[in-house]
Amino acid sequence: MTTTPDLTNARWRKALRSESAQGCVEVAFLSGDLVAVRDSKNPLKTAHVYPVAAWTVFQDHLRGLVPAEDSRIVVTITDDAVLLSDRQDQAPEHVYTHREWLFFLDGVLKREPQLCAAAA
């Protein structure tokens, strides 16, 4: 993971279906072609920061366009939660409920612009 930049003024975005959810996957597009990802339930936890290229590959993986091994961002689905981690860093994983993840995934599959780096 890239050294975490100052996220004080980051504009956090989420999938449209997440608007009414208590927790969600939040994404912020930063200068320097970086993307930050955090869990809205725990905004003080260190955000994961990735190059835009890694974010794009991750979204392509979620859409079934590239294999999981090609994605730096790892998704682990358990009976109780969905875990998001970084293959290249030992930063604490982010933990989402299945509902939160499904809302995020819906936004990715629909190519909602607020989740796509090209729209940032």
PDB file of N, CA and C in Angstrom:
ATOM      1  N   MET A   1       0.850  -1.174   0.000  1.00  0.00           N
ATOM      2  CA  MET A   1       0.000   0.000   0.000  1.00  0.00           C
ATOM      3  C   MET A   1       0.894   1.234   0.000  1.00  0.00           C
ATOM      4  N   THR A   2       0.494   2.233  -0.688  1.00  0.00           N
ATOM      5  CA  THR A   2       1.222   3.488  -0.751  1.00  0.00           C
ATOM      6  C   THR A   2       1.139   4.185   0.602  1.00  0.00           C
ATOM      7  N   THR A   3       2.161   4.974   0.962  1.00  0.00           N
ATOM      8  CA  THR A   3       2.102   5.746   2.193  1.00  0.00           C
ATOM      9  C   THR A   3       0.812   6.556   2.200  1.00  0.00           C
ATOM     10  N   THR A   4       0.103   6.508   3.303  1.00  0.00           N
ATOM     11  CA  THR A   4      -1.199   7.159   3.362  1.00  0.00           C
ATOM     12  C   THR A   4      -1.059   8.673   3.304  1.00  0.00           C
ATOM     13  N   PRO A   5      -1.641   9.284   2.291  1.00  0.00           N
ATOM     14  CA  PRO A   5      -1.622  10.747   2.204  1.00  0.00           C
ATOM     15  C   PRO A   5      -2.612  11.346   3.199  1.00  0.00           C
ATOM     16  N   ASP A   6      -2.571  12.645   3.345  1.00  0.00           N
ATOM     17  CA  ASP A   6      -3.529  13.340   4.211  1.00  0.00           C
ATOM     18  C   ASP A   6      -4.922  13.213   3.590  1.00  0.00           C
ATOM     19  N   LEU A   7      -5.837  12.612   4.328  1.00  0.00           N
ATOM     20  CA  LEU A   7      -7.193  12.380   3.818  1.00  0.00           C
ATOM     21  C   LEU A   7      -8.216  13.329   4.432  1.00  0.00           C
ATOM     22  N   THR A   8      -7.734  14.367   5.117  1.00  0.00           N
ATOM     23  CA  THR A   8      -8.619  15.304   5.801  1.00  0.00           C
ATOM     24  C   THR A   8      -9.683  15.878   4.879  1.00  0.00           C
ATOM     25  N   ASN A   9      -9.305  16.253   3.683  1.00  0.00           N
ATOM     26  CA  ASN A   9     -10.250  16.871   2.750  1.00  0.00           C
ATOM     27  C   ASN A   9     -10.705  15.924   1.647  1.00  0.00           C
ATOM     28  N   ALA A  10     -10.501  14.635   1.849  1.00  0.00           N
ATOM     29  CA  ALA A  10     -10.917  13.662   0.832  1.00  0.00           C
ATOM     30  C   ALA A  10     -12.435  13.692   0.666  1.00  0.00           C
ATOM     31  N   ARG A  11     -12.871  13.524  -0.548  1.00  0.00           N
ATOM     32  CA  ARG A  11     -14.308  13.462  -0.849  1.00  0.00           C
ATOM     33  C   ARG A  11     -14.685  11.982  -0.968  1.00  0.00           C
ATOM     34  N   TRP A  12     -15.288  11.465   0.085  1.00  0.00           N
ATOM     35  CA  TRP A  12     -15.627  10.048   0.135  1.00  0.00           C
ATOM     36  C   TRP A  12     -16.922   9.798  -0.623  1.00  0.00           C
ATOM     37  N   ARG A  13     -16.923   8.734  -1.416  1.00  0.00           N
ATOM     38  CA  ARG A  13     -18.076   8.377  -2.241  1.00  0.00           C
ATOM     39  C   ARG A  13     -18.465   6.935  -1.948  1.00  0.00           C
ATOM     40  N   LYS A  14     -19.704   6.602  -2.281  1.00  0.00           N
ATOM     41  CA  LYS A  14     -20.170   5.231  -2.082  1.00  0.00           C
ATOM     42  C   LYS A  14     -21.182   4.877  -3.154  1.00  0.00           C
ATOM     43  N   ALA A  15     -21.481   3.601  -3.247  1.00  0.00           N
ATOM     44  CA  ALA A  15     -22.459   3.124  -4.221  1.00  0.00           C
ATOM     45  C   ALA A  15     -23.832   3.706  -3.901  1.00  0.00           C
ATOM     46  N   LEU A  16     -24.629   3.898  -4.925  1.00  0.00           N
ATOM     47  CA  LEU A  16     -25.957   4.490  -4.730  1.00  0.00           C
ATOM     48  C   LEU A  16     -26.812   3.696  -3.753  1.00  0.00           C
ATOM     49  N   ARG A  17     -26.778   2.380  -3.833  1.00  0.00           N
ATOM     50  CA  ARG A  17     -27.586   1.561  -2.918  1.00  0.00           C
ATOM     51  C   ARG A  17     -27.095   1.659  -1.477  1.00  0.00           C
ATOM     52  N   SER A  18     -25.892   2.143  -1.276  1.00  0.00           N
ATOM     53  CA  SER A  18     -25.334   2.279   0.074  1.00  0.00           C
ATOM     54  C   SER A  18     -25.844   3.517   0.795  1.00  0.00           C
ATOM     55  N   GLU A  19     -26.502   4.415   0.085  1.00  0.00           N
ATOM     56  CA  GLU A  19     -26.946   5.681   0.681  1.00  0.00           C
ATOM     57  C   GLU A  19     -27.740   5.482   1.967  1.00  0.00           C
ATOM     58  N   SER A  20     -28.577   4.460   2.014  1.00  0.00           N
ATOM     59  CA  SER A  20     -29.419   4.249   3.194  1.00  0.00           C
ATOM     60  C   SER A  20     -28.797   3.280   4.197  1.00  0.00           C
ATOM     61  N   ALA A  21     -27.649   2.718   3.861  1.00  0.00           N
ATOM     62  CA  ALA A  21     -27.009   1.740   4.742  1.00  0.00           C
ATOM     63  C   ALA A  21     -26.238   2.440   5.861  1.00  0.00           C
ATOM     64  N   GLN A  22     -26.152   1.776   7.006  1.00  0.00           N
ATOM     65  CA  GLN A  22     -25.401   2.342   8.129  1.00  0.00           C
ATOM     66  C   GLN A  22     -23.902   2.283   7.893  1.00  0.00           C
ATOM     67  N   GLY A  23     -23.444   1.270   7.204  1.00  0.00           N
ATOM     68  CA  GLY A  23     -22.031   1.132   6.905  1.00  0.00           C
ATOM     69  C   GLY A  23     -21.855   0.826   5.437  1.00  0.00           C
ATOM     70  N   CYS A  24     -20.669   1.152   4.917  1.00  0.00           N
ATOM     71  CA  CYS A  24     -20.454   0.882   3.496  1.00  0.00           C
ATOM     72  C   CYS A  24     -18.977   0.975   3.140  1.00  0.00           C
ATOM     73  N   VAL A  25     -18.678   0.519   1.932  1.00  0.00           N
ATOM     74  CA  VAL A  25     -17.363   0.704   1.336  1.00  0.00           C
ATOM     75  C   VAL A  25     -17.332   2.135   0.821  1.00  0.00           C
ATOM     76  N   GLU A  26     -16.346   2.918   1.262  1.00  0.00           N
ATOM     77  CA  GLU A  26     -16.206   4.294   0.787  1.00  0.00           C
ATOM     78  C   GLU A  26     -14.906   4.432   0.009  1.00  0.00           C
ATOM     79  N   VAL A  27     -14.967   5.223  -1.059  1.00  0.00           N
ATOM     80  CA  VAL A  27     -13.848   5.402  -1.974  1.00  0.00           C
ATOM     81  C   VAL A  27     -13.590   6.893  -2.147  1.00  0.00           C
ATOM     82  N   ALA A  28     -12.320   7.285  -2.160  1.00  0.00           N
ATOM     83  CA  ALA A  28     -11.944   8.678  -2.442  1.00  0.00           C
ATOM     84  C   ALA A  28     -10.839   8.672  -3.487  1.00  0.00           C
ATOM     85  N   PHE A  29     -11.004   9.500  -4.505  1.00  0.00           N
ATOM     86  CA  PHE A  29      -9.990   9.634  -5.545  1.00  0.00           C
ATOM     87  C   PHE A  29      -9.102  10.810  -5.173  1.00  0.00           C
ATOM     88  N   LEU A  30      -7.799  10.554  -5.120  1.00  0.00           N
ATOM     89  CA  LEU A  30      -6.832  11.518  -4.610  1.00  0.00           C
ATOM     90  C   LEU A  30      -5.908  11.998  -5.717  1.00  0.00           C
ATOM     91  N   SER A  31      -5.233  13.098  -5.442  1.00  0.00           N
ATOM     92  CA  SER A  31      -4.234  13.567  -6.403  1.00  0.00           C
ATOM     93  C   SER A  31      -3.117  12.532  -6.486  1.00  0.00           C
ATOM     94  N   GLY A  32      -2.366  12.592  -7.547  1.00  0.00           N
ATOM     95  CA  GLY A  32      -1.282  11.633  -7.718  1.00  0.00           C
ATOM     96  C   GLY A  32      -1.757  10.281  -8.200  1.00  0.00           C
ATOM     97  N   ASP A  33      -2.950  10.231  -8.793  1.00  0.00           N
ATOM     98  CA  ASP A  33      -3.504   8.975  -9.320  1.00  0.00           C
ATOM     99  C   ASP A  33      -3.590   7.888  -8.257  1.00  0.00           C
ATOM    100  N   LEU A  34      -4.150   8.254  -7.103  1.00  0.00           N
ATOM    101  CA  LEU A  34      -4.343   7.314  -6.007  1.00  0.00           C
ATOM    102  C   LEU A  34      -5.825   7.195  -5.667  1.00  0.00           C
ATOM    103  N   VAL A  35      -6.181   6.047  -5.106  1.00  0.00           N
ATOM    104  CA  VAL A  35      -7.542   5.784  -4.648  1.00  0.00           C
ATOM    105  C   VAL A  35      -7.450   5.306  -3.203  1.00  0.00           C
ATOM    106  N   ALA A  36      -8.246   5.899  -2.316  1.00  0.00           N
ATOM    107  CA  ALA A  36      -8.307   5.462  -0.922  1.00  0.00           C
ATOM    108  C   ALA A  36      -9.618   4.714  -0.709  1.00  0.00           C
ATOM    109  N   VAL A  37      -9.569   3.669   0.101  1.00  0.00           N
ATOM    110  CA  VAL A  37     -10.749   2.860   0.404  1.00  0.00           C
ATOM    111  C   VAL A  37     -10.830   2.725   1.917  1.00  0.00           C
ATOM    112  N   ARG A  38     -12.033   2.924   2.458  1.00  0.00           N
ATOM    113  CA  ARG A  38     -12.204   2.768   3.908  1.00  0.00           C
ATOM    114  C   ARG A  38     -13.580   2.177   4.205  1.00  0.00           C
ATOM    115  N   ASP A  39     -13.767   1.849   5.466  1.00  0.00           N
ATOM    116  CA  ASP A  39     -15.042   1.335   5.964  1.00  0.00           C
ATOM    117  C   ASP A  39     -15.721   2.478   6.703  1.00  0.00           C
ATOM    118  N   SER A  40     -16.898   2.875   6.257  1.00  0.00           N
ATOM    119  CA  SER A  40     -17.570   4.023   6.874  1.00  0.00           C
ATOM    120  C   SER A  40     -17.913   3.783   8.343  1.00  0.00           C
ATOM    121  N   LYS A  41     -18.000   2.526   8.760  1.00  0.00           N
ATOM    122  CA  LYS A  41     -18.284   2.225  10.165  1.00  0.00           C
ATOM    123  C   LYS A  41     -17.081   2.526  11.049  1.00  0.00           C
ATOM    124  N   ASN A  42     -15.914   2.574  10.444  1.00  0.00           N
ATOM    125  CA  ASN A  42     -14.675   2.760  11.192  1.00  0.00           C
ATOM    126  C   ASN A  42     -13.765   3.738  10.442  1.00  0.00           C
ATOM    127  N   PRO A  43     -14.186   5.001  10.298  1.00  0.00           N
ATOM    128  CA  PRO A  43     -13.424   5.956   9.487  1.00  0.00           C
ATOM    129  C   PRO A  43     -12.054   6.319  10.061  1.00  0.00           C
ATOM    130  N   LEU A  44     -11.810   6.016  11.323  1.00  0.00           N
ATOM    131  CA  LEU A  44     -10.504   6.320  11.910  1.00  0.00           C
ATOM    132  C   LEU A  44      -9.474   5.232  11.623  1.00  0.00           C
ATOM    133  N   LYS A  45      -9.941   4.072  11.182  1.00  0.00           N
ATOM    134  CA  LYS A  45      -9.023   2.996  10.809  1.00  0.00           C
ATOM    135  C   LYS A  45      -8.287   3.417   9.538  1.00  0.00           C
ATOM    136  N   THR A  46      -7.035   3.059   9.440  1.00  0.00           N
ATOM    137  CA  THR A  46      -6.228   3.440   8.288  1.00  0.00           C
ATOM    138  C   THR A  46      -6.897   3.017   6.988  1.00  0.00           C
ATOM    139  N   ALA A  47      -7.045   3.965   6.089  1.00  0.00           N
ATOM    140  CA  ALA A  47      -7.603   3.667   4.770  1.00  0.00           C
ATOM    141  C   ALA A  47      -6.559   2.916   3.953  1.00  0.00           C
ATOM    142  N   HIS A  48      -7.025   2.052   3.076  1.00  0.00           N
ATOM    143  CA  HIS A  48      -6.132   1.424   2.108  1.00  0.00           C
ATOM    144  C   HIS A  48      -5.970   2.408   0.956  1.00  0.00           C
ATOM    145  N   VAL A  49      -4.749   2.593   0.484  1.00  0.00           N
ATOM    146  CA  VAL A  49      -4.484   3.514  -0.626  1.00  0.00           C
ATOM    147  C   VAL A  49      -3.792   2.741  -1.739  1.00  0.00           C
ATOM    148  N   TYR A  50      -4.341   2.869  -2.942  1.00  0.00           N
ATOM    149  CA  TYR A  50      -3.844   2.125  -4.097  1.00  0.00           C
ATOM    150  C   TYR A  50      -3.629   3.058  -5.282  1.00  0.00           C
ATOM    151  N   PRO A  51      -2.744   2.681  -6.187  1.00  0.00           N
ATOM    152  CA  PRO A  51      -2.673   3.404  -7.455  1.00  0.00           C
ATOM    153  C   PRO A  51      -3.983   3.182  -8.226  1.00  0.00           C
ATOM    154  N   VAL A  52      -4.370   4.155  -9.029  1.00  0.00           N
ATOM    155  CA  VAL A  52      -5.599   4.033  -9.823  1.00  0.00           C
ATOM    156  C   VAL A  52      -5.575   2.759 -10.665  1.00  0.00           C
ATOM    157  N   ALA A  53      -4.416   2.412 -11.210  1.00  0.00           N
ATOM    158  CA  ALA A  53      -4.325   1.204 -12.044  1.00  0.00           C
ATOM    159  C   ALA A  53      -4.724  -0.044 -11.260  1.00  0.00           C
ATOM    160  N   ALA A  54      -4.320  -0.140  -9.993  1.00  0.00           N
ATOM    161  CA  ALA A  54      -4.689  -1.293  -9.162  1.00  0.00           C
ATOM    162  C   ALA A  54      -6.191  -1.301  -8.894  1.00  0.00           C
ATOM    163  N   TRP A  55      -6.782  -0.127  -8.697  1.00  0.00           N
ATOM    164  CA  TRP A  55      -8.228  -0.017  -8.475  1.00  0.00           C
ATOM    165  C   TRP A  55      -8.998  -0.480  -9.716  1.00  0.00           C
ATOM    166  N   THR A  56      -8.511  -0.094 -10.879  1.00  0.00           N
ATOM    167  CA  THR A  56      -9.164  -0.480 -12.131  1.00  0.00           C
ATOM    168  C   THR A  56      -9.107  -1.992 -12.331  1.00  0.00           C
ATOM    169  N   VAL A  57      -7.957  -2.600 -12.071  1.00  0.00           N
ATOM    170  CA  VAL A  57      -7.831  -4.060 -12.187  1.00  0.00           C
ATOM    171  C   VAL A  57      -8.760  -4.739 -11.186  1.00  0.00           C
ATOM    172  N   PHE A  58      -8.845  -4.210  -9.975  1.00  0.00           N
ATOM    173  CA  PHE A  58      -9.734  -4.769  -8.954  1.00  0.00           C
ATOM    174  C   PHE A  58     -11.183  -4.748  -9.429  1.00  0.00           C
ATOM    175  N   GLN A  59     -11.627  -3.624  -9.956  1.00  0.00           N
ATOM    176  CA  GLN A  59     -13.000  -3.545 -10.451  1.00  0.00           C
ATOM    177  C   GLN A  59     -13.206  -4.503 -11.623  1.00  0.00           C
ATOM    178  N   ASP A  60     -12.223  -4.617 -12.492  1.00  0.00           N
ATOM    179  CA  ASP A  60     -12.331  -5.577 -13.595  1.00  0.00           C
ATOM    180  C   ASP A  60     -12.425  -7.003 -13.068  1.00  0.00           C
ATOM    181  N   HIS A  61     -11.687  -7.302 -11.996  1.00  0.00           N
ATOM    182  CA  HIS A  61     -11.796  -8.628 -11.373  1.00  0.00           C
ATOM    183  C   HIS A  61     -13.218  -8.852 -10.848  1.00  0.00           C
ATOM    184  N   LEU A  62     -13.771  -7.867 -10.156  1.00  0.00           N
ATOM    185  CA  LEU A  62     -15.126  -8.014  -9.620  1.00  0.00           C
ATOM    186  C   LEU A  62     -16.155  -8.198 -10.731  1.00  0.00           C
ATOM    187  N   ARG A  63     -15.879  -7.658 -11.889  1.00  0.00           N
ATOM    188  CA  ARG A  63     -16.778  -7.806 -13.046  1.00  0.00           C
ATOM    189  C   ARG A  63     -16.516  -9.102 -13.812  1.00  0.00           C
ATOM    190  N   GLY A  64     -15.552  -9.901 -13.353  1.00  0.00           N
ATOM    191  CA  GLY A  64     -15.253 -11.170 -14.002  1.00  0.00           C
ATOM    192  C   GLY A  64     -14.389 -11.056 -15.237  1.00  0.00           C
ATOM    193  N   LEU A  65     -13.702  -9.933 -15.395  1.00  0.00           N
ATOM    194  CA  LEU A  65     -12.905  -9.708 -16.600  1.00  0.00           C
ATOM    195  C   LEU A  65     -11.449 -10.134 -16.458  1.00  0.00           C
ATOM    196  N   VAL A  66     -10.949 -10.197 -15.229  1.00  0.00           N
ATOM    197  CA  VAL A  66      -9.570 -10.642 -14.996  1.00  0.00           C
ATOM    198  C   VAL A  66      -9.568 -11.584 -13.788  1.00  0.00           C
ATOM    199  N   PRO A  67      -8.613 -12.523 -13.735  1.00  0.00           N
ATOM    200  CA  PRO A  67      -8.570 -13.454 -12.606  1.00  0.00           C
ATOM    201  C   PRO A  67      -8.153 -12.765 -11.305  1.00  0.00           C
ATOM    202  N   ALA A  68      -8.532 -13.372 -10.202  1.00  0.00           N
ATOM    203  CA  ALA A  68      -8.235 -12.819  -8.875  1.00  0.00           C
ATOM    204  C   ALA A  68      -6.740 -12.593  -8.677  1.00  0.00           C
ATOM    205  N   GLU A  69      -5.915 -13.468  -9.228  1.00  0.00           N
ATOM    206  CA  GLU A  69      -4.466 -13.360  -9.043  1.00  0.00           C
ATOM    207  C   GLU A  69      -3.908 -12.070  -9.632  1.00  0.00           C
ATOM    208  N   ASP A  70      -4.611 -11.493 -10.584  1.00  0.00           N
ATOM    209  CA  ASP A  70      -4.143 -10.254 -11.213  1.00  0.00           C
ATOM    210  C   ASP A  70      -4.439  -9.017 -10.372  1.00  0.00           C
ATOM    211  N   SER A  71      -5.275  -9.173  -9.355  1.00  0.00           N
ATOM    212  CA  SER A  71      -5.679  -8.030  -8.543  1.00  0.00           C
ATOM    213  C   SER A  71      -4.835  -7.920  -7.282  1.00  0.00           C
ATOM    214  N   ARG A  72      -4.307  -6.754  -7.049  1.00  0.00           N
ATOM    215  CA  ARG A  72      -3.559  -6.475  -5.820  1.00  0.00           C
ATOM    216  C   ARG A  72      -4.497  -6.487  -4.615  1.00  0.00           C
ATOM    217  N   ILE A  73      -5.739  -6.087  -4.831  1.00  0.00           N
ATOM    218  CA  ILE A  73      -6.731  -6.004  -3.767  1.00  0.00           C
ATOM    219  C   ILE A  73      -7.426  -7.357  -3.648  1.00  0.00           C
ATOM    220  N   VAL A  74      -7.440  -7.900  -2.441  1.00  0.00           N
ATOM    221  CA  VAL A  74      -7.954  -9.246  -2.209  1.00  0.00           C
ATOM    222  C   VAL A  74      -9.279  -9.184  -1.456  1.00  0.00           C
ATOM    223  N   VAL A  75     -10.247  -9.955  -1.934  1.00  0.00           N
ATOM    224  CA  VAL A  75     -11.543 -10.084  -1.272  1.00  0.00           C
ATOM    225  C   VAL A  75     -11.639 -11.497  -0.716  1.00  0.00           C
ATOM    226  N   THR A  76     -11.946 -11.603   0.576  1.00  0.00           N
ATOM    227  CA  THR A  76     -12.166 -12.900   1.202  1.00  0.00           C
ATOM    228  C   THR A  76     -13.575 -12.893   1.779  1.00  0.00           C
ATOM    229  N   ILE A  77     -14.385 -13.842   1.335  1.00  0.00           N
ATOM    230  CA  ILE A  77     -15.770 -13.915   1.811  1.00  0.00           C
ATOM    231  C   ILE A  77     -15.870 -15.056   2.808  1.00  0.00           C
ATOM    232  N   THR A  78     -16.335 -14.732   4.012  1.00  0.00           N
ATOM    233  CA  THR A  78     -16.538 -15.733   5.055  1.00  0.00           C
ATOM    234  C   THR A  78     -18.035 -15.846   5.336  1.00  0.00           C
ATOM    235  N   ASP A  79     -18.397 -16.720   6.248  1.00  0.00           N
ATOM    236  CA  ASP A  79     -19.807 -16.847   6.622  1.00  0.00           C
ATOM    237  C   ASP A  79     -20.343 -15.572   7.256  1.00  0.00           C
ATOM    238  N   ASP A  80     -19.463 -14.815   7.920  1.00  0.00           N
ATOM    239  CA  ASP A  80     -19.896 -13.656   8.695  1.00  0.00           C
ATOM    240  C   ASP A  80     -19.588 -12.303   8.073  1.00  0.00           C
ATOM    241  N   ALA A  81     -18.640 -12.253   7.135  1.00  0.00           N
ATOM    242  CA  ALA A  81     -18.184 -10.944   6.665  1.00  0.00           C
ATOM    243  C   ALA A  81     -17.471 -11.054   5.323  1.00  0.00           C
ATOM    244  N   VAL A  82     -17.149  -9.892   4.785  1.00  0.00           N
ATOM    245  CA  VAL A  82     -16.306  -9.787   3.592  1.00  0.00           C
ATOM    246  C   VAL A  82     -15.083  -8.975   4.000  1.00  0.00           C
ATOM    247  N   LEU A  83     -13.908  -9.521   3.744  1.00  0.00           N
ATOM    248  CA  LEU A  83     -12.657  -8.900   4.157  1.00  0.00           C
ATOM    249  C   LEU A  83     -11.930  -8.363   2.934  1.00  0.00           C
ATOM    250  N   LEU A  84     -11.445  -7.143   3.041  1.00  0.00           N
ATOM    251  CA  LEU A  84     -10.696  -6.507   1.959  1.00  0.00           C
ATOM    252  C   LEU A  84      -9.272  -6.288   2.445  1.00  0.00           C
ATOM    253  N   SER A  85      -8.301  -6.801   1.697  1.00  0.00           N
ATOM    254  CA  SER A  85      -6.901  -6.657   2.098  1.00  0.00           C
ATOM    255  C   SER A  85      -6.028  -6.380   0.873  1.00  0.00           C
ATOM    256  N   ASP A  86      -4.758  -6.112   1.145  1.00  0.00           N
ATOM    257  CA  ASP A  86      -3.792  -5.729   0.112  1.00  0.00           C
ATOM    258  C   ASP A  86      -2.709  -6.798   0.032  1.00  0.00           C
ATOM    259  N   ARG A  87      -2.496  -7.360  -1.143  1.00  0.00           N
ATOM    260  CA  ARG A  87      -1.446  -8.376  -1.321  1.00  0.00           C
ATOM    261  C   ARG A  87      -0.054  -7.827  -1.021  1.00  0.00           C
ATOM    262  N   GLN A  88       0.136  -6.533  -1.174  1.00  0.00           N
ATOM    263  CA  GLN A  88       1.468  -5.946  -1.051  1.00  0.00           C
ATOM    264  C   GLN A  88       1.708  -5.237   0.276  1.00  0.00           C
ATOM    265  N   ASP A  89       0.789  -5.329   1.205  1.00  0.00           N
ATOM    266  CA  ASP A  89       0.939  -4.607   2.463  1.00  0.00           C
ATOM    267  C   ASP A  89       0.262  -5.386   3.579  1.00  0.00           C
ATOM    268  N   GLN A  90       0.777  -5.244   4.770  1.00  0.00           N
ATOM    269  CA  GLN A  90       0.209  -5.930   5.928  1.00  0.00           C
ATOM    270  C   GLN A  90      -0.748  -5.038   6.710  1.00  0.00           C
ATOM    271  N   ALA A  91      -1.258  -4.000   6.092  1.00  0.00           N
ATOM    272  CA  ALA A  91      -2.212  -3.107   6.766  1.00  0.00           C
ATOM    273  C   ALA A  91      -3.428  -3.910   7.207  1.00  0.00           C
ATOM    274  N   PRO A  92      -4.068  -3.482   8.284  1.00  0.00           N
ATOM    275  CA  PRO A  92      -5.259  -4.194   8.758  1.00  0.00           C
ATOM    276  C   PRO A  92      -6.321  -4.269   7.662  1.00  0.00           C
ATOM    277  N   GLU A  93      -6.930  -5.442   7.557  1.00  0.00           N
ATOM    278  CA  GLU A  93      -7.981  -5.597   6.551  1.00  0.00           C
ATOM    279  C   GLU A  93      -9.220  -4.820   6.960  1.00  0.00           C
ATOM    280  N   HIS A  94     -10.015  -4.493   5.982  1.00  0.00           N
ATOM    281  CA  HIS A  94     -11.298  -3.852   6.238  1.00  0.00           C
ATOM    282  C   HIS A  94     -12.359  -4.941   6.248  1.00  0.00           C
ATOM    283  N   VAL A  95     -13.317  -4.816   7.155  1.00  0.00           N
ATOM    284  CA  VAL A  95     -14.339  -5.841   7.334  1.00  0.00           C
ATOM    285  C   VAL A  95     -15.704  -5.232   7.046  1.00  0.00           C
ATOM    286  N   TYR A  96     -16.422  -5.856   6.120  1.00  0.00           N
ATOM    287  CA  TYR A  96     -17.748  -5.379   5.721  1.00  0.00           C
ATOM    288  C   TYR A  96     -18.776  -6.481   5.935  1.00  0.00           C
ATOM    289  N   THR A  97     -20.017  -6.072   6.154  1.00  0.00           N
ATOM    290  CA  THR A  97     -21.094  -7.058   6.198  1.00  0.00           C
ATOM    291  C   THR A  97     -21.378  -7.505   4.765  1.00  0.00           C
ATOM    292  N   HIS A  98     -22.059  -8.629   4.631  1.00  0.00           N
ATOM    293  CA  HIS A  98     -22.430  -9.090   3.288  1.00  0.00           C
ATOM    294  C   HIS A  98     -23.323  -8.063   2.595  1.00  0.00           C
ATOM    295  N   ARG A  99     -24.208  -7.454   3.336  1.00  0.00           N
ATOM    296  CA  ARG A  99     -25.111  -6.445   2.759  1.00  0.00           C
ATOM    297  C   ARG A  99     -24.318  -5.245   2.239  1.00  0.00           C
ATOM    298  N   GLU A 100     -23.380  -4.750   3.029  1.00  0.00           N
ATOM    299  CA  GLU A 100     -22.544  -3.620   2.598  1.00  0.00           C
ATOM    300  C   GLU A 100     -21.783  -3.976   1.321  1.00  0.00           C
ATOM    301  N   TRP A 101     -21.234  -5.189   1.289  1.00  0.00           N
ATOM    302  CA  TRP A 101     -20.465  -5.606   0.129  1.00  0.00           C
ATOM    303  C   TRP A 101     -21.357  -5.732  -1.110  1.00  0.00           C
ATOM    304  N   LEU A 102     -22.540  -6.295  -0.942  1.00  0.00           N
ATOM    305  CA  LEU A 102     -23.448  -6.443  -2.089  1.00  0.00           C
ATOM    306  C   LEU A 102     -23.844  -5.090  -2.665  1.00  0.00           C
ATOM    307  N   PHE A 103     -24.062  -4.103  -1.816  1.00  0.00           N
ATOM    308  CA  PHE A 103     -24.392  -2.759  -2.306  1.00  0.00           C
ATOM    309  C   PHE A 103     -23.215  -2.177  -3.095  1.00  0.00           C
ATOM    310  N   PHE A 104     -21.999  -2.351  -2.576  1.00  0.00           N
ATOM    311  CA  PHE A 104     -20.810  -1.877  -3.279  1.00  0.00           C
ATOM    312  C   PHE A 104     -20.645  -2.613  -4.607  1.00  0.00           C
ATOM    313  N   LEU A 105     -20.765  -3.928  -4.569  1.00  0.00           N
ATOM    314  CA  LEU A 105     -20.613  -4.733  -5.776  1.00  0.00           C
ATOM    315  C   LEU A 105     -21.642  -4.342  -6.831  1.00  0.00           C
ATOM    316  N   ASP A 106     -22.855  -4.064  -6.404  1.00  0.00           N
ATOM    317  CA  ASP A 106     -23.894  -3.605  -7.327  1.00  0.00           C
ATOM    318  C   ASP A 106     -23.440  -2.332  -8.044  1.00  0.00           C
ATOM    319  N   GLY A 107     -22.860  -1.409  -7.305  1.00  0.00           N
ATOM    320  CA  GLY A 107     -22.363  -0.172  -7.904  1.00  0.00           C
ATOM    321  C   GLY A 107     -21.226  -0.409  -8.880  1.00  0.00           C
ATOM    322  N   VAL A 108     -20.337  -1.330  -8.546  1.00  0.00           N
ATOM    323  CA  VAL A 108     -19.223  -1.658  -9.445  1.00  0.00           C
ATOM    324  C   VAL A 108     -19.755  -2.288 -10.727  1.00  0.00           C
ATOM    325  N   LEU A 109     -20.670  -3.237 -10.583  1.00  0.00           N
ATOM    326  CA  LEU A 109     -21.208  -3.921 -11.763  1.00  0.00           C
ATOM    327  C   LEU A 109     -21.989  -2.978 -12.662  1.00  0.00           C
ATOM    328  N   LYS A 110     -22.632  -1.983 -12.069  1.00  0.00           N
ATOM    329  CA  LYS A 110     -23.385  -0.994 -12.854  1.00  0.00           C
ATOM    330  C   LYS A 110     -22.489   0.143 -13.349  1.00  0.00           C
ATOM    331  N   ARG A 111     -21.208   0.076 -13.006  1.00  0.00           N
ATOM    332  CA  ARG A 111     -20.229   1.102 -13.392  1.00  0.00           C
ATOM    333  C   ARG A 111     -20.669   2.500 -12.952  1.00  0.00           C
ATOM    334  N   GLU A 112     -21.149   2.578 -11.712  1.00  0.00           N
ATOM    335  CA  GLU A 112     -21.550   3.876 -11.174  1.00  0.00           C
ATOM    336  C   GLU A 112     -20.340   4.810 -11.204  1.00  0.00           C
ATOM    337  N   PRO A 113     -20.509   5.999 -11.765  1.00  0.00           N
ATOM    338  CA  PRO A 113     -19.356   6.882 -11.982  1.00  0.00           C
ATOM    339  C   PRO A 113     -18.611   7.283 -10.712  1.00  0.00           C
ATOM    340  N   GLN A 114     -19.295   7.383  -9.582  1.00  0.00           N
ATOM    341  CA  GLN A 114     -18.618   7.807  -8.355  1.00  0.00           C
ATOM    342  C   GLN A 114     -17.642   6.746  -7.839  1.00  0.00           C
ATOM    343  N   LEU A 115     -17.706   5.532  -8.388  1.00  0.00           N
ATOM    344  CA  LEU A 115     -16.794   4.464  -7.982  1.00  0.00           C
ATOM    345  C   LEU A 115     -15.689   4.220  -8.999  1.00  0.00           C
ATOM    346  N   CYS A 116     -15.763   4.887 -10.139  1.00  0.00           N
ATOM    347  CA  CYS A 116     -14.801   4.675 -11.228  1.00  0.00           C
ATOM    348  C   CYS A 116     -13.775   5.795 -11.265  1.00  0.00           C
ATOM    349  N   ALA A 117     -12.526   5.424 -11.380  1.00  0.00           N
ATOM    350  CA  ALA A 117     -11.446   6.414 -11.391  1.00  0.00           C
ATOM    351  C   ALA A 117     -11.575   7.395 -12.548  1.00  0.00           C
ATOM    352  N   ALA A 118     -12.081   6.950 -13.668  1.00  0.00           N
ATOM    353  CA  ALA A 118     -12.197   7.828 -14.840  1.00  0.00           C
ATOM    354  C   ALA A 118     -13.166   8.973 -14.595  1.00  0.00           C
ATOM    355  N   ALA A 119     -14.083   8.787 -13.652  1.00  0.00           N
ATOM    356  CA  ALA A 119     -15.088   9.819 -13.377  1.00  0.00           C
ATOM    357  C   ALA A 119     -14.638  10.793 -12.300  1.00  0.00           C
ATOM    358  N   ALA A 120     -13.523  10.505 -11.662  1.00  0.00           N
ATOM    359  CA  ALA A 120     -13.084  11.329 -10.526  1.00  0.00           C
ATOM    360  C   ALA A 120     -12.694  12.728 -10.933  1.00  0.00           C
TER     361      ALA A 120
END
